[in-house]
Amino acid sequence: AFIQQPYAKEAVTLRRWDDLAKVPDLPTPPLADFQ
């Protein structure tokens, strides 16, 4: 039922990034780059 909802596939993609985004001291662009 969940995966049939609109935007569920995008949420799964987001979730996988969420799980990978917990690395101490990993370089990223600064916040201003995302504005």
ModelCIF file with pLDDT and N, C-alpha, C, O atoms, coordinates in Angstrom:
data_MODEL
#
_entry.id   MODEL 
#
_entity.id                         1 
_entity.type                       polymer 
_entity.pdbx_number_of_molecules   1 
#
_entity_poly.entity_id                      1 
_entity_poly.type                           'polypeptide(L)' 
_entity_poly.nstd_linkage                   no 
_entity_poly.nstd_monomer                   no 
_entity_poly.pdbx_seq_one_letter_code       AFIQQPYAKEAVTLRRWDDLAKVPDLPTPPLADFQ 
_entity_poly.pdbx_seq_one_letter_code_can   AFIQQPYAKEAVTLRRWDDLAKVPDLPTPPLADFQ 
_entity_poly.pdbx_strand_id                 A 
#
loop_
_entity_poly_seq.entity_id 
_entity_poly_seq.num 
_entity_poly_seq.mon_id 
_entity_poly_seq.hetero 
1 1  ALA n 
1 2  PHE n 
1 3  ILE n 
1 4  GLN n 
1 5  GLN n 
1 6  PRO n 
1 7  TYR n 
1 8  ALA n 
1 9  LYS n 
1 10 GLU n 
1 11 ALA n 
1 12 VAL n 
1 13 THR n 
1 14 LEU n 
1 15 ARG n 
1 16 ARG n 
1 17 TRP n 
1 18 ASP n 
1 19 ASP n 
1 20 LEU n 
1 21 ALA n 
1 22 LYS n 
1 23 VAL n 
1 24 PRO n 
1 25 ASP n 
1 26 LEU n 
1 27 PRO n 
1 28 THR n 
1 29 PRO n 
1 30 PRO n 
1 31 LEU n 
1 32 ALA n 
1 33 ASP n 
1 34 PHE n 
1 35 GLN n 
#
_struct_asym.id          A 
_struct_asym.entity_id   1 
#
loop_
_ma_qa_metric.id 
_ma_qa_metric.mode 
_ma_qa_metric.name 
_ma_qa_metric.software_group_id 
_ma_qa_metric.type 
1 global pLDDT . pLDDT 
2 local  pLDDT . pLDDT 
#
_ma_qa_metric_global.metric_id      1 
_ma_qa_metric_global.metric_value   95.89 
_ma_qa_metric_global.model_id       1 
_ma_qa_metric_global.ordinal_id     1 
#
loop_
_ma_qa_metric_local.label_asym_id 
_ma_qa_metric_local.label_comp_id 
_ma_qa_metric_local.label_seq_id 
_ma_qa_metric_local.metric_id 
_ma_qa_metric_local.metric_value 
_ma_qa_metric_local.model_id 
_ma_qa_metric_local.ordinal_id 
A ALA 1  2 98.00 1 1  
A PHE 2  2 98.00 1 2  
A ILE 3  2 98.00 1 3  
A GLN 4  2 98.00 1 4  
A GLN 5  2 97.00 1 5  
A PRO 6  2 97.00 1 6  
A TYR 7  2 98.00 1 7  
A ALA 8  2 98.00 1 8  
A LYS 9  2 98.00 1 9  
A GLU 10 2 98.00 1 10 
A ALA 11 2 97.00 1 11 
A VAL 12 2 98.00 1 12 
A THR 13 2 98.00 1 13 
A LEU 14 2 97.00 1 14 
A ARG 15 2 94.00 1 15 
A ARG 16 2 96.00 1 16 
A TRP 17 2 97.00 1 17 
A ASP 18 2 93.00 1 18 
A ASP 19 2 91.00 1 19 
A LEU 20 2 94.00 1 20 
A ALA 21 2 94.00 1 21 
A LYS 22 2 91.00 1 22 
A VAL 23 2 94.00 1 23 
A PRO 24 2 93.00 1 24 
A ASP 25 2 92.00 1 25 
A LEU 26 2 95.00 1 26 
A PRO 27 2 95.00 1 27 
A THR 28 2 97.00 1 28 
A PRO 29 2 97.00 1 29 
A PRO 30 2 96.00 1 30 
A LEU 31 2 96.00 1 31 
A ALA 32 2 96.00 1 32 
A ASP 33 2 96.00 1 33 
A PHE 34 2 96.00 1 34 
A GLN 35 2 95.00 1 35 
#
loop_
_atom_site.group_PDB 
_atom_site.id 
_atom_site.type_symbol 
_atom_site.label_atom_id 
_atom_site.label_alt_id 
_atom_site.label_comp_id 
_atom_site.label_asym_id 
_atom_site.label_entity_id 
_atom_site.label_seq_id 
_atom_site.pdbx_PDB_ins_code 
_atom_site.Cartn_x 
_atom_site.Cartn_y 
_atom_site.Cartn_z 
_atom_site.occupancy 
_atom_site.B_iso_or_equiv 
_atom_site.pdbx_formal_charge 
_atom_site.auth_seq_id 
_atom_site.auth_comp_id 
_atom_site.auth_asym_id 
_atom_site.auth_atom_id 
_atom_site.pdbx_PDB_model_num 
ATOM 1   N N  . ALA A 1 1  ? 0.838  -1.206 0.000  1.00 98.00 ? 1  ALA A N  1 
ATOM 2   C CA . ALA A 1 1  ? 0.000  0.000  0.000  1.00 98.00 ? 1  ALA A CA 1 
ATOM 3   C C  . ALA A 1 1  ? 0.875  1.259  0.000  1.00 98.00 ? 1  ALA A C  1 
ATOM 4   O O  . ALA A 1 1  ? 0.561  2.238  -0.676 1.00 98.00 ? 1  ALA A O  1 
ATOM 5   N N  . PHE A 1 2  ? 1.961  1.227  0.753  1.00 98.00 ? 2  PHE A N  1 
ATOM 6   C CA . PHE A 1 2  ? 2.854  2.385  0.817  1.00 98.00 ? 2  PHE A CA 1 
ATOM 7   C C  . PHE A 1 2  ? 3.416  2.721  -0.563 1.00 98.00 ? 2  PHE A C  1 
ATOM 8   O O  . PHE A 1 2  ? 3.329  3.866  -1.006 1.00 98.00 ? 2  PHE A O  1 
ATOM 9   N N  . ILE A 1 3  ? 3.982  1.745  -1.233 1.00 98.00 ? 3  ILE A N  1 
ATOM 10  C CA . ILE A 1 3  ? 4.708  2.015  -2.481 1.00 98.00 ? 3  ILE A CA 1 
ATOM 11  C C  . ILE A 1 3  ? 3.759  2.449  -3.613 1.00 98.00 ? 3  ILE A C  1 
ATOM 12  O O  . ILE A 1 3  ? 4.217  2.969  -4.630 1.00 98.00 ? 3  ILE A O  1 
ATOM 13  N N  . GLN A 1 4  ? 2.480  2.245  -3.450 1.00 98.00 ? 4  GLN A N  1 
ATOM 14  C CA . GLN A 1 4  ? 1.507  2.674  -4.459 1.00 98.00 ? 4  GLN A CA 1 
ATOM 15  C C  . GLN A 1 4  ? 1.154  4.158  -4.336 1.00 98.00 ? 4  GLN A C  1 
ATOM 16  O O  . GLN A 1 4  ? 0.530  4.714  -5.239 1.00 98.00 ? 4  GLN A O  1 
ATOM 17  N N  . GLN A 1 5  ? 1.535  4.797  -3.255 1.00 97.00 ? 5  GLN A N  1 
ATOM 18  C CA . GLN A 1 5  ? 1.213  6.213  -3.044 1.00 97.00 ? 5  GLN A CA 1 
ATOM 19  C C  . GLN A 1 5  ? 2.028  7.112  -3.968 1.00 97.00 ? 5  GLN A C  1 
ATOM 20  O O  . GLN A 1 5  ? 3.158  6.778  -4.326 1.00 97.00 ? 5  GLN A O  1 
ATOM 21  N N  . PRO A 1 6  ? 1.456  8.249  -4.354 1.00 97.00 ? 6  PRO A N  1 
ATOM 22  C CA . PRO A 1 6  ? 2.266  9.230  -5.082 1.00 97.00 ? 6  PRO A CA 1 
ATOM 23  C C  . PRO A 1 6  ? 3.462  9.653  -4.225 1.00 97.00 ? 6  PRO A C  1 
ATOM 24  O O  . PRO A 1 6  ? 3.327  9.842  -3.016 1.00 97.00 ? 6  PRO A O  1 
ATOM 25  N N  . TYR A 1 7  ? 4.601  9.796  -4.837 1.00 98.00 ? 7  TYR A N  1 
ATOM 26  C CA . TYR A 1 7  ? 5.854  10.237 -4.227 1.00 98.00 ? 7  TYR A CA 1 
ATOM 27  C C  . TYR A 1 7  ? 6.522  9.186  -3.331 1.00 98.00 ? 7  TYR A C  1 
ATOM 28  O O  . TYR A 1 7  ? 7.540  9.481  -2.705 1.00 98.00 ? 7  TYR A O  1 
ATOM 29  N N  . ALA A 1 8  ? 5.977  7.981  -3.256 1.00 98.00 ? 8  ALA A N  1 
ATOM 30  C CA . ALA A 1 8  ? 6.601  6.949  -2.426 1.00 98.00 ? 8  ALA A CA 1 
ATOM 31  C C  . ALA A 1 8  ? 7.964  6.542  -2.982 1.00 98.00 ? 8  ALA A C  1 
ATOM 32  O O  . ALA A 1 8  ? 8.908  6.354  -2.215 1.00 98.00 ? 8  ALA A O  1 
ATOM 33  N N  . LYS A 1 9  ? 8.078  6.407  -4.285 1.00 98.00 ? 9  LYS A N  1 
ATOM 34  C CA . LYS A 1 9  ? 9.367  6.020  -4.873 1.00 98.00 ? 9  LYS A CA 1 
ATOM 35  C C  . LYS A 1 9  ? 10.424 7.093  -4.619 1.00 98.00 ? 9  LYS A C  1 
ATOM 36  O O  . LYS A 1 9  ? 11.583 6.772  -4.359 1.00 98.00 ? 9  LYS A O  1 
ATOM 37  N N  . GLU A 1 10 ? 10.029 8.367  -4.692 1.00 98.00 ? 10 GLU A N  1 
ATOM 38  C CA . GLU A 1 10 ? 10.965 9.451  -4.370 1.00 98.00 ? 10 GLU A CA 1 
ATOM 39  C C  . GLU A 1 10 ? 11.354 9.399  -2.897 1.00 98.00 ? 10 GLU A C  1 
ATOM 40  O O  . GLU A 1 10 ? 12.501 9.675  -2.543 1.00 98.00 ? 10 GLU A O  1 
ATOM 41  N N  . ALA A 1 11 ? 10.397 9.045  -2.037 1.00 97.00 ? 11 ALA A N  1 
ATOM 42  C CA . ALA A 1 11 ? 10.699 8.924  -0.607 1.00 97.00 ? 11 ALA A CA 1 
ATOM 43  C C  . ALA A 1 11 ? 11.684 7.789  -0.339 1.00 97.00 ? 11 ALA A C  1 
ATOM 44  O O  . ALA A 1 11 ? 12.543 7.908  0.534  1.00 97.00 ? 11 ALA A O  1 
ATOM 45  N N  . VAL A 1 12 ? 11.568 6.703  -1.075 1.00 98.00 ? 12 VAL A N  1 
ATOM 46  C CA . VAL A 1 12 ? 12.512 5.583  -0.923 1.00 98.00 ? 12 VAL A CA 1 
ATOM 47  C C  . VAL A 1 12 ? 13.909 6.023  -1.361 1.00 98.00 ? 12 VAL A C  1 
ATOM 48  O O  . VAL A 1 12 ? 14.895 5.707  -0.696 1.00 98.00 ? 12 VAL A O  1 
ATOM 49  N N  . THR A 1 13 ? 13.995 6.741  -2.462 1.00 98.00 ? 13 THR A N  1 
ATOM 50  C CA . THR A 1 13 ? 15.288 7.268  -2.905 1.00 98.00 ? 13 THR A CA 1 
ATOM 51  C C  . THR A 1 13 ? 15.874 8.193  -1.850 1.00 98.00 ? 13 THR A C  1 
ATOM 52  O O  . THR A 1 13 ? 17.051 8.087  -1.506 1.00 98.00 ? 13 THR A O  1 
ATOM 53  N N  . LEU A 1 14 ? 15.053 9.095  -1.341 1.00 97.00 ? 14 LEU A N  1 
ATOM 54  C CA . LEU A 1 14 ? 15.480 10.005 -0.276 1.00 97.00 ? 14 LEU A CA 1 
ATOM 55  C C  . LEU A 1 14 ? 15.936 9.223  0.950  1.00 97.00 ? 14 LEU A C  1 
ATOM 56  O O  . LEU A 1 14 ? 16.947 9.561  1.566  1.00 97.00 ? 14 LEU A O  1 
ATOM 57  N N  . ARG A 1 15 ? 15.199 8.188  1.301  1.00 94.00 ? 15 ARG A N  1 
ATOM 58  C CA . ARG A 1 15 ? 15.543 7.378  2.477  1.00 94.00 ? 15 ARG A CA 1 
ATOM 59  C C  . ARG A 1 15 ? 16.921 6.740  2.327  1.00 94.00 ? 15 ARG A C  1 
ATOM 60  O O  . ARG A 1 15 ? 17.695 6.699  3.283  1.00 94.00 ? 15 ARG A O  1 
ATOM 61  N N  . ARG A 1 16 ? 17.225 6.248  1.146  1.00 96.00 ? 16 ARG A N  1 
ATOM 62  C CA . ARG A 1 16 ? 18.534 5.619  0.937  1.00 96.00 ? 16 ARG A CA 1 
ATOM 63  C C  . ARG A 1 16 ? 19.648 6.650  1.081  1.00 96.00 ? 16 ARG A C  1 
ATOM 64  O O  . ARG A 1 16 ? 20.689 6.345  1.663  1.00 96.00 ? 16 ARG A O  1 
ATOM 65  N N  . TRP A 1 17 ? 19.453 7.872  0.560  1.00 97.00 ? 17 TRP A N  1 
ATOM 66  C CA . TRP A 1 17 ? 20.440 8.933  0.771  1.00 97.00 ? 17 TRP A CA 1 
ATOM 67  C C  . TRP A 1 17 ? 20.536 9.273  2.250  1.00 97.00 ? 17 TRP A C  1 
ATOM 68  O O  . TRP A 1 17 ? 21.631 9.471  2.777  1.00 97.00 ? 17 TRP A O  1 
ATOM 69  N N  . ASP A 1 18 ? 19.397 9.339  2.914  1.00 93.00 ? 18 ASP A N  1 
ATOM 70  C CA . ASP A 1 18 ? 19.339 9.636  4.348  1.00 93.00 ? 18 ASP A CA 1 
ATOM 71  C C  . ASP A 1 18 ? 20.231 8.669  5.126  1.00 93.00 ? 18 ASP A C  1 
ATOM 72  O O  . ASP A 1 18 ? 20.995 9.087  5.995  1.00 93.00 ? 18 ASP A O  1 
ATOM 73  N N  . ASP A 1 19 ? 20.134 7.405  4.819  1.00 91.00 ? 19 ASP A N  1 
ATOM 74  C CA . ASP A 1 19 ? 20.910 6.394  5.539  1.00 91.00 ? 19 ASP A CA 1 
ATOM 75  C C  . ASP A 1 19 ? 22.408 6.508  5.285  1.00 91.00 ? 19 ASP A C  1 
ATOM 76  O O  . ASP A 1 19 ? 23.210 6.149  6.147  1.00 91.00 ? 19 ASP A O  1 
ATOM 77  N N  . LEU A 1 20 ? 22.792 7.001  4.117  1.00 94.00 ? 20 LEU A N  1 
ATOM 78  C CA . LEU A 1 20 ? 24.209 7.145  3.769  1.00 94.00 ? 20 LEU A CA 1 
ATOM 79  C C  . LEU A 1 20 ? 24.812 8.456  4.265  1.00 94.00 ? 20 LEU A C  1 
ATOM 80  O O  . LEU A 1 20 ? 26.032 8.620  4.244  1.00 94.00 ? 20 LEU A O  1 
ATOM 81  N N  . ALA A 1 21 ? 23.979 9.379  4.705  1.00 94.00 ? 21 ALA A N  1 
ATOM 82  C CA . ALA A 1 21 ? 24.410 10.746 5.023  1.00 94.00 ? 21 ALA A CA 1 
ATOM 83  C C  . ALA A 1 21 ? 24.735 10.923 6.500  1.00 94.00 ? 21 ALA A C  1 
ATOM 84  O O  . ALA A 1 21 ? 24.209 11.822 7.156  1.00 94.00 ? 21 ALA A O  1 
ATOM 85  N N  . LYS A 1 22 ? 25.599 10.065 7.016  1.00 91.00 ? 22 LYS A N  1 
ATOM 86  C CA . LYS A 1 22 ? 25.937 10.097 8.440  1.00 91.00 ? 22 LYS A CA 1 
ATOM 87  C C  . LYS A 1 22 ? 27.431 9.872  8.649  1.00 91.00 ? 22 LYS A C  1 
ATOM 88  O O  . LYS A 1 22 ? 27.844 9.231  9.616  1.00 91.00 ? 22 LYS A O  1 
ATOM 89  N N  . VAL A 1 23 ? 28.239 10.407 7.729  1.00 94.00 ? 23 VAL A N  1 
ATOM 90  C CA . VAL A 1 23 ? 29.678 10.157 7.731  1.00 94.00 ? 23 VAL A CA 1 
ATOM 91  C C  . VAL A 1 23 ? 30.397 11.347 8.374  1.00 94.00 ? 23 VAL A C  1 
ATOM 92  O O  . VAL A 1 23 ? 30.320 12.460 7.855  1.00 94.00 ? 23 VAL A O  1 
ATOM 93  N N  . PRO A 1 24 ? 31.093 11.129 9.491  1.00 93.00 ? 24 PRO A N  1 
ATOM 94  C CA . PRO A 1 24 ? 31.799 12.247 10.136 1.00 93.00 ? 24 PRO A CA 1 
ATOM 95  C C  . PRO A 1 24 ? 32.824 12.885 9.192  1.00 93.00 ? 24 PRO A C  1 
ATOM 96  O O  . PRO A 1 24 ? 33.560 12.192 8.489  1.00 93.00 ? 24 PRO A O  1 
ATOM 97  N N  . ASP A 1 25 ? 32.851 14.196 9.194  1.00 92.00 ? 25 ASP A N  1 
ATOM 98  C CA . ASP A 1 25 ? 33.852 14.997 8.467  1.00 92.00 ? 25 ASP A CA 1 
ATOM 99  C C  . ASP A 1 25 ? 33.840 14.797 6.952  1.00 92.00 ? 25 ASP A C  1 
ATOM 100 O O  . ASP A 1 25 ? 34.845 15.068 6.294  1.00 92.00 ? 25 ASP A O  1 
ATOM 101 N N  . LEU A 1 26 ? 32.743 14.336 6.395  1.00 95.00 ? 26 LEU A N  1 
ATOM 102 C CA . LEU A 1 26 ? 32.654 14.178 4.940  1.00 95.00 ? 26 LEU A CA 1 
ATOM 103 C C  . LEU A 1 26 ? 32.523 15.556 4.301  1.00 95.00 ? 26 LEU A C  1 
ATOM 104 O O  . LEU A 1 26 ? 31.618 16.313 4.652  1.00 95.00 ? 26 LEU A O  1 
ATOM 105 N N  . PRO A 1 27 ? 33.413 15.894 3.368  1.00 95.00 ? 27 PRO A N  1 
ATOM 106 C CA . PRO A 1 27 ? 33.297 17.201 2.716  1.00 95.00 ? 27 PRO A CA 1 
ATOM 107 C C  . PRO A 1 27 ? 32.027 17.288 1.862  1.00 95.00 ? 27 PRO A C  1 
ATOM 108 O O  . PRO A 1 27 ? 31.675 16.346 1.151  1.00 95.00 ? 27 PRO A O  1 
ATOM 109 N N  . THR A 1 28 ? 31.360 18.418 1.947  1.00 97.00 ? 28 THR A N  1 
ATOM 110 C CA . THR A 1 28 ? 30.181 18.713 1.130  1.00 97.00 ? 28 THR A CA 1 
ATOM 111 C C  . THR A 1 28 ? 30.273 20.165 0.675  1.00 97.00 ? 28 THR A C  1 
ATOM 112 O O  . THR A 1 28 ? 31.048 20.939 1.238  1.00 97.00 ? 28 THR A O  1 
ATOM 113 N N  . PRO A 1 29 ? 29.506 20.542 -0.322 1.00 97.00 ? 29 PRO A N  1 
ATOM 114 C CA . PRO A 1 29 ? 29.403 21.969 -0.629 1.00 97.00 ? 29 PRO A CA 1 
ATOM 115 C C  . PRO A 1 29 ? 28.817 22.692 0.590  1.00 97.00 ? 29 PRO A C  1 
ATOM 116 O O  . PRO A 1 29 ? 28.096 22.083 1.381  1.00 97.00 ? 29 PRO A O  1 
ATOM 117 N N  . PRO A 1 30 ? 29.116 23.964 0.741  1.00 96.00 ? 30 PRO A N  1 
ATOM 118 C CA . PRO A 1 30 ? 28.543 24.710 1.869  1.00 96.00 ? 30 PRO A CA 1 
ATOM 119 C C  . PRO A 1 30 ? 27.040 24.925 1.683  1.00 96.00 ? 30 PRO A C  1 
ATOM 120 O O  . PRO A 1 30 ? 26.519 24.824 0.572  1.00 96.00 ? 30 PRO A O  1 
ATOM 121 N N  . LEU A 1 31 ? 26.366 25.217 2.770  1.00 96.00 ? 31 LEU A N  1 
ATOM 122 C CA . LEU A 1 31 ? 24.927 25.438 2.739  1.00 96.00 ? 31 LEU A CA 1 
ATOM 123 C C  . LEU A 1 31 ? 24.544 26.498 1.708  1.00 96.00 ? 31 LEU A C  1 
ATOM 124 O O  . LEU A 1 31 ? 23.548 26.339 1.002  1.00 96.00 ? 31 LEU A O  1 
ATOM 125 N N  . ALA A 1 32 ? 25.310 27.558 1.614  1.00 96.00 ? 32 ALA A N  1 
ATOM 126 C CA . ALA A 1 32 ? 24.997 28.647 0.673  1.00 96.00 ? 32 ALA A CA 1 
ATOM 127 C C  . ALA A 1 32 ? 24.876 28.150 -0.767 1.00 96.00 ? 32 ALA A C  1 
ATOM 128 O O  . ALA A 1 32 ? 24.131 28.725 -1.559 1.00 96.00 ? 32 ALA A O  1 
ATOM 129 N N  . ASP A 1 33 ? 25.596 27.096 -1.106 1.00 96.00 ? 33 ASP A N  1 
ATOM 130 C CA . ASP A 1 33 ? 25.530 26.551 -2.465 1.00 96.00 ? 33 ASP A CA 1 
ATOM 131 C C  . ASP A 1 33 ? 24.166 25.948 -2.793 1.00 96.00 ? 33 ASP A C  1 
ATOM 132 O O  . ASP A 1 33 ? 23.825 25.772 -3.963 1.00 96.00 ? 33 ASP A O  1 
ATOM 133 N N  . PHE A 1 34 ? 23.394 25.635 -1.766 1.00 96.00 ? 34 PHE A N  1 
ATOM 134 C CA . PHE A 1 34 ? 22.083 25.018 -1.986 1.00 96.00 ? 34 PHE A CA 1 
ATOM 135 C C  . PHE A 1 34 ? 20.946 26.036 -1.983 1.00 96.00 ? 34 PHE A C  1 
ATOM 136 O O  . PHE A 1 34 ? 19.807 25.684 -2.292 1.00 96.00 ? 34 PHE A O  1 
ATOM 137 N N  . GLN A 1 35 ? 21.232 27.286 -1.642 1.00 95.00 ? 35 GLN A N  1 
ATOM 138 C CA . GLN A 1 35 ? 20.174 28.284 -1.576 1.00 95.00 ? 35 GLN A CA 1 
ATOM 139 C C  . GLN A 1 35 ? 19.483 28.459 -2.927 1.00 95.00 ? 35 GLN A C  1 
ATOM 140 O O  . GLN A 1 35 ? 18.562 29.266 -3.049 1.00 95.00 ? 35 GLN A O  1 
#
